[in-house]
Amino acid sequence: MSVNYSSSQINRHQSVTWLLVVLTGSVFFIELLVMFFLDMLPPIPKIATFLLDSAVLSMLIFPIFYFFVFRPLLQNIIDLRQAEEDLRTTSVAFESKDPILITDAHANILRANKKFLNFSEYSSEEIIGKNSRIFQSGRYSKDFYHKMWQHLLRNGYWAGEMHFKCKRGHISPIWVAITAVKNDQQETTHYVAIYNL
């Protein structure tokens, strides 16, 4: 069984490894400097040597820990709070007055808001994981869908009127706007369809 790691997991692993190497090397190097400095001093009691060693080592190590550990950790906490706030805002926007459907890059349904479920007459369990083709009315040719997908893939956006088939077979014309969601590498990861009743 082979295990595939994403580039972000590999980068994170390399970052943690590099951080540990830098911290370990820094502590070792600073301790060498402290020991060298203490050897240059006139003889003092052993307890005073230990206290001085600890104080100097702490003073020298603190900036390293601050820049390599505390500061990135604080930034991660700030980023996490921002992400939570963005998620709350997105959740409110998702439950808007318009039906919204989210699919993966292959048009398999991942999520639908309440308005979409009411409009389509399906429950969430009935459509999650299925392809969005289940809503096709049969009134359009393969050429229509081919042109629609070509436009969507080329421009990242398509809008137009479609005939939508509900669960009970009722077909109604509806305006739909489909937008491609892309990652940092400009690869399409999701599609968001917003229907205008």
Protein backbone atom coordinates (compact mmCIF):
# COMPACT_ATOMS: atom_id res chain seq x y z
CA MET A 1 0.00 0.00 0.00
CA SER A 2 1.49 3.34 -1.05
CA VAL A 3 0.86 6.56 0.82
CA ASN A 4 0.68 9.84 -1.09
CA TYR A 5 1.53 13.04 0.72
CA SER A 6 0.41 16.45 -0.49
CA SER A 7 3.01 19.16 -1.12
CA SER A 8 1.63 21.18 1.83
CA GLN A 9 2.15 18.20 4.18
CA ILE A 10 5.72 17.74 2.90
CA ASN A 11 6.42 21.49 3.25
CA ARG A 12 4.99 21.51 6.78
CA HIS A 13 7.16 18.51 7.72
CA GLN A 14 10.26 20.19 6.25
CA SER A 15 9.45 23.44 8.11
CA VAL A 16 9.11 21.64 11.45
CA THR A 17 12.33 19.69 10.83
CA TRP A 18 14.18 22.91 9.91
CA LEU A 19 12.80 24.66 13.00
CA LEU A 20 14.03 21.85 15.28
CA VAL A 21 17.47 21.89 13.64
CA VAL A 22 17.74 25.69 14.03
CA LEU A 23 16.60 25.63 17.67
CA THR A 24 18.87 22.73 18.63
CA GLY A 25 21.86 24.25 16.84
CA SER A 26 21.18 27.67 18.37
CA VAL A 27 20.96 26.31 21.93
CA PHE A 28 24.18 24.32 21.44
CA PHE A 29 26.06 27.28 19.95
CA ILE A 30 24.82 29.73 22.60
CA GLU A 31 25.73 27.31 25.41
CA LEU A 32 29.25 27.08 23.95
CA LEU A 33 29.51 30.90 23.97
CA VAL A 34 28.23 31.07 27.55
CA MET A 35 30.72 28.43 28.71
CA PHE A 36 33.54 30.26 26.91
CA PHE A 37 32.46 33.55 28.56
CA LEU A 38 32.29 31.94 32.03
CA ASP A 39 35.79 30.48 31.62
CA MET A 40 37.12 34.01 31.04
CA LEU A 41 35.76 35.24 34.38
CA PRO A 42 37.75 34.99 37.61
CA PRO A 43 36.83 32.00 39.80
CA ILE A 44 33.42 32.41 41.41
CA PRO A 45 31.26 30.08 43.54
CA LYS A 46 29.65 27.18 41.69
CA ILE A 47 26.09 28.36 42.46
CA ALA A 48 26.90 31.81 41.03
CA THR A 49 28.27 30.12 37.89
CA PHE A 50 25.05 28.12 37.46
CA LEU A 51 22.86 31.21 37.98
CA LEU A 52 24.94 33.31 35.60
CA ASP A 53 24.94 30.50 33.02
CA SER A 54 21.14 30.20 33.25
CA ALA A 55 20.57 33.96 33.06
CA VAL A 56 22.85 34.51 30.05
CA LEU A 57 21.51 31.42 28.27
CA SER A 58 17.91 32.56 28.84
CA MET A 59 18.69 36.07 27.59
CA LEU A 60 20.31 34.76 24.43
CA ILE A 61 17.75 32.02 23.70
CA PHE A 62 14.62 34.14 24.27
CA PRO A 63 14.85 36.07 20.94
CA ILE A 64 15.30 32.79 19.04
CA PHE A 65 12.24 31.22 20.68
CA TYR A 66 10.29 34.43 20.18
CA PHE A 67 10.98 34.67 16.43
CA PHE A 68 10.86 30.95 15.63
CA VAL A 69 8.16 29.69 18.03
CA PHE A 70 6.05 32.32 19.82
CA ARG A 71 5.62 34.75 16.93
CA PRO A 72 4.58 32.09 14.34
CA LEU A 73 2.27 30.54 16.95
CA LEU A 74 0.64 33.91 17.61
CA GLN A 75 0.24 34.45 13.84
CA ASN A 76 -1.38 31.01 13.52
CA ILE A 77 -3.87 31.88 16.27
CA ILE A 78 -4.71 35.18 14.52
CA ASP A 79 -5.12 33.36 11.18
CA LEU A 80 -7.33 30.72 12.81
CA ARG A 81 -9.60 33.38 14.33
CA GLN A 82 -9.82 35.12 10.94
CA ALA A 83 -10.69 31.81 9.26
CA GLU A 84 -13.44 31.18 11.85
CA GLU A 85 -14.86 34.65 11.24
CA ASP A 86 -14.75 34.10 7.47
CA LEU A 87 -16.49 30.74 7.93
CA ARG A 88 -19.29 32.36 9.97
CA THR A 89 -19.74 35.03 7.28
CA THR A 90 -19.76 32.39 4.54
CA SER A 91 -22.34 30.33 6.44
CA VAL A 92 -24.69 33.32 6.63
CA ALA A 93 -24.15 34.10 2.94
CA PHE A 94 -24.72 30.44 2.02
CA GLU A 95 -28.17 30.47 3.59
CA SER A 96 -29.25 33.38 1.40
CA LYS A 97 -32.60 33.86 -0.31
CA ASP A 98 -31.33 32.17 -3.48
CA PRO A 99 -30.89 28.43 -3.98
CA ILE A 100 -27.17 27.55 -3.93
CA LEU A 101 -25.51 24.29 -4.95
CA ILE A 102 -21.81 23.44 -4.46
CA THR A 103 -20.14 20.62 -6.38
CA ASP A 104 -16.63 19.25 -6.73
CA ALA A 105 -14.63 19.65 -9.95
CA HIS A 106 -16.54 16.70 -11.50
CA ALA A 107 -19.95 18.25 -10.73
CA ASN A 108 -20.65 15.80 -7.90
CA ILE A 109 -22.83 17.51 -5.29
CA LEU A 110 -21.12 18.40 -2.01
CA ARG A 111 -23.56 20.82 -0.42
CA ALA A 112 -26.88 22.56 -1.00
CA ASN A 113 -28.54 25.27 1.05
CA LYS A 114 -32.07 25.01 2.47
CA LYS A 115 -33.53 27.17 -0.28
CA PHE A 116 -32.14 24.79 -2.93
CA LEU A 117 -33.47 21.73 -1.09
CA ASN A 118 -36.94 23.31 -0.84
CA PHE A 119 -36.89 24.27 -4.52
CA SER A 120 -35.62 20.89 -5.77
CA GLU A 121 -37.87 18.89 -3.40
CA TYR A 122 -34.90 16.67 -2.51
CA SER A 123 -33.41 16.10 0.92
CA SER A 124 -29.71 16.65 1.49
CA GLU A 125 -29.12 12.89 1.90
CA GLU A 126 -30.75 12.17 -1.49
CA ILE A 127 -28.43 14.41 -3.51
CA ILE A 128 -25.06 14.61 -1.71
CA GLY A 129 -22.51 12.62 -3.71
CA LYS A 130 -24.68 12.45 -6.83
CA ASN A 131 -23.85 14.24 -10.05
CA SER A 132 -25.74 17.47 -10.77
CA ARG A 133 -27.03 15.81 -13.98
CA ILE A 134 -29.96 14.52 -11.90
CA PHE A 135 -31.56 17.95 -12.35
CA GLN A 136 -31.37 17.91 -16.17
CA SER A 137 -34.76 18.22 -17.82
CA GLY A 138 -33.94 16.36 -21.03
CA ARG A 139 -34.92 19.43 -23.07
CA TYR A 140 -31.35 20.30 -24.08
CA SER A 141 -29.04 18.53 -26.49
CA LYS A 142 -25.58 17.21 -25.65
CA ASP A 143 -24.24 20.06 -27.78
CA PHE A 144 -25.84 22.62 -25.40
CA TYR A 145 -24.11 21.09 -22.37
CA HIS A 146 -20.84 20.72 -24.27
CA LYS A 147 -20.85 24.45 -25.14
CA MET A 148 -21.85 25.38 -21.61
CA TRP A 149 -18.96 23.37 -20.10
CA GLN A 150 -16.48 24.70 -22.66
CA HIS A 151 -17.47 28.28 -21.74
CA LEU A 152 -17.27 27.46 -18.02
CA LEU A 153 -13.84 25.83 -18.33
CA ARG A 154 -12.49 28.64 -20.51
CA ASN A 155 -13.88 31.61 -18.56
CA GLY A 156 -14.54 30.19 -15.08
CA TYR A 157 -18.14 31.43 -15.27
CA TRP A 158 -21.36 30.63 -17.10
CA ALA A 159 -24.85 32.12 -16.73
CA GLY A 160 -28.06 31.43 -18.56
CA GLU A 161 -31.55 30.03 -18.40
CA MET A 162 -32.01 26.30 -17.90
CA HIS A 163 -34.94 24.01 -17.41
CA PHE A 164 -34.62 22.43 -13.98
CA LYS A 165 -36.23 19.09 -13.11
CA CYS A 166 -37.40 18.72 -9.51
CA LYS A 167 -37.71 15.43 -7.64
CA ARG A 168 -41.36 14.91 -8.58
CA GLY A 169 -40.58 15.52 -12.26
CA HIS A 170 -41.86 19.09 -12.43
CA ILE A 171 -39.77 21.10 -14.91
CA SER A 172 -39.40 24.85 -14.62
CA PRO A 173 -37.18 27.44 -16.35
CA ILE A 174 -34.72 29.09 -14.01
CA TRP A 175 -31.77 31.46 -14.37
CA VAL A 176 -28.51 29.97 -13.07
CA ALA A 177 -25.01 31.41 -12.64
CA ILE A 178 -22.18 28.89 -12.25
CA THR A 179 -18.75 29.99 -11.01
CA ALA A 180 -15.56 27.92 -10.87
CA VAL A 181 -13.59 28.02 -7.60
CA LYS A 182 -9.84 27.68 -8.19
CA ASN A 183 -6.91 26.89 -5.90
CA ASP A 184 -3.51 28.64 -5.79
CA GLN A 185 -2.37 26.65 -8.84
CA GLN A 186 -5.43 27.90 -10.78
CA GLU A 187 -6.94 24.40 -10.85
CA THR A 188 -10.72 24.18 -10.51
CA THR A 189 -11.64 22.52 -7.23
CA HIS A 190 -15.36 23.36 -6.93
CA TYR A 191 -18.30 24.88 -8.74
CA VAL A 192 -20.87 27.14 -7.09
CA ALA A 193 -24.25 27.41 -8.81
CA ILE A 194 -26.65 30.16 -7.73
CA TYR A 195 -30.22 29.88 -8.99
CA ASN A 196 -32.40 32.95 -9.37
CA LEU A 197 -36.06 32.15 -8.69
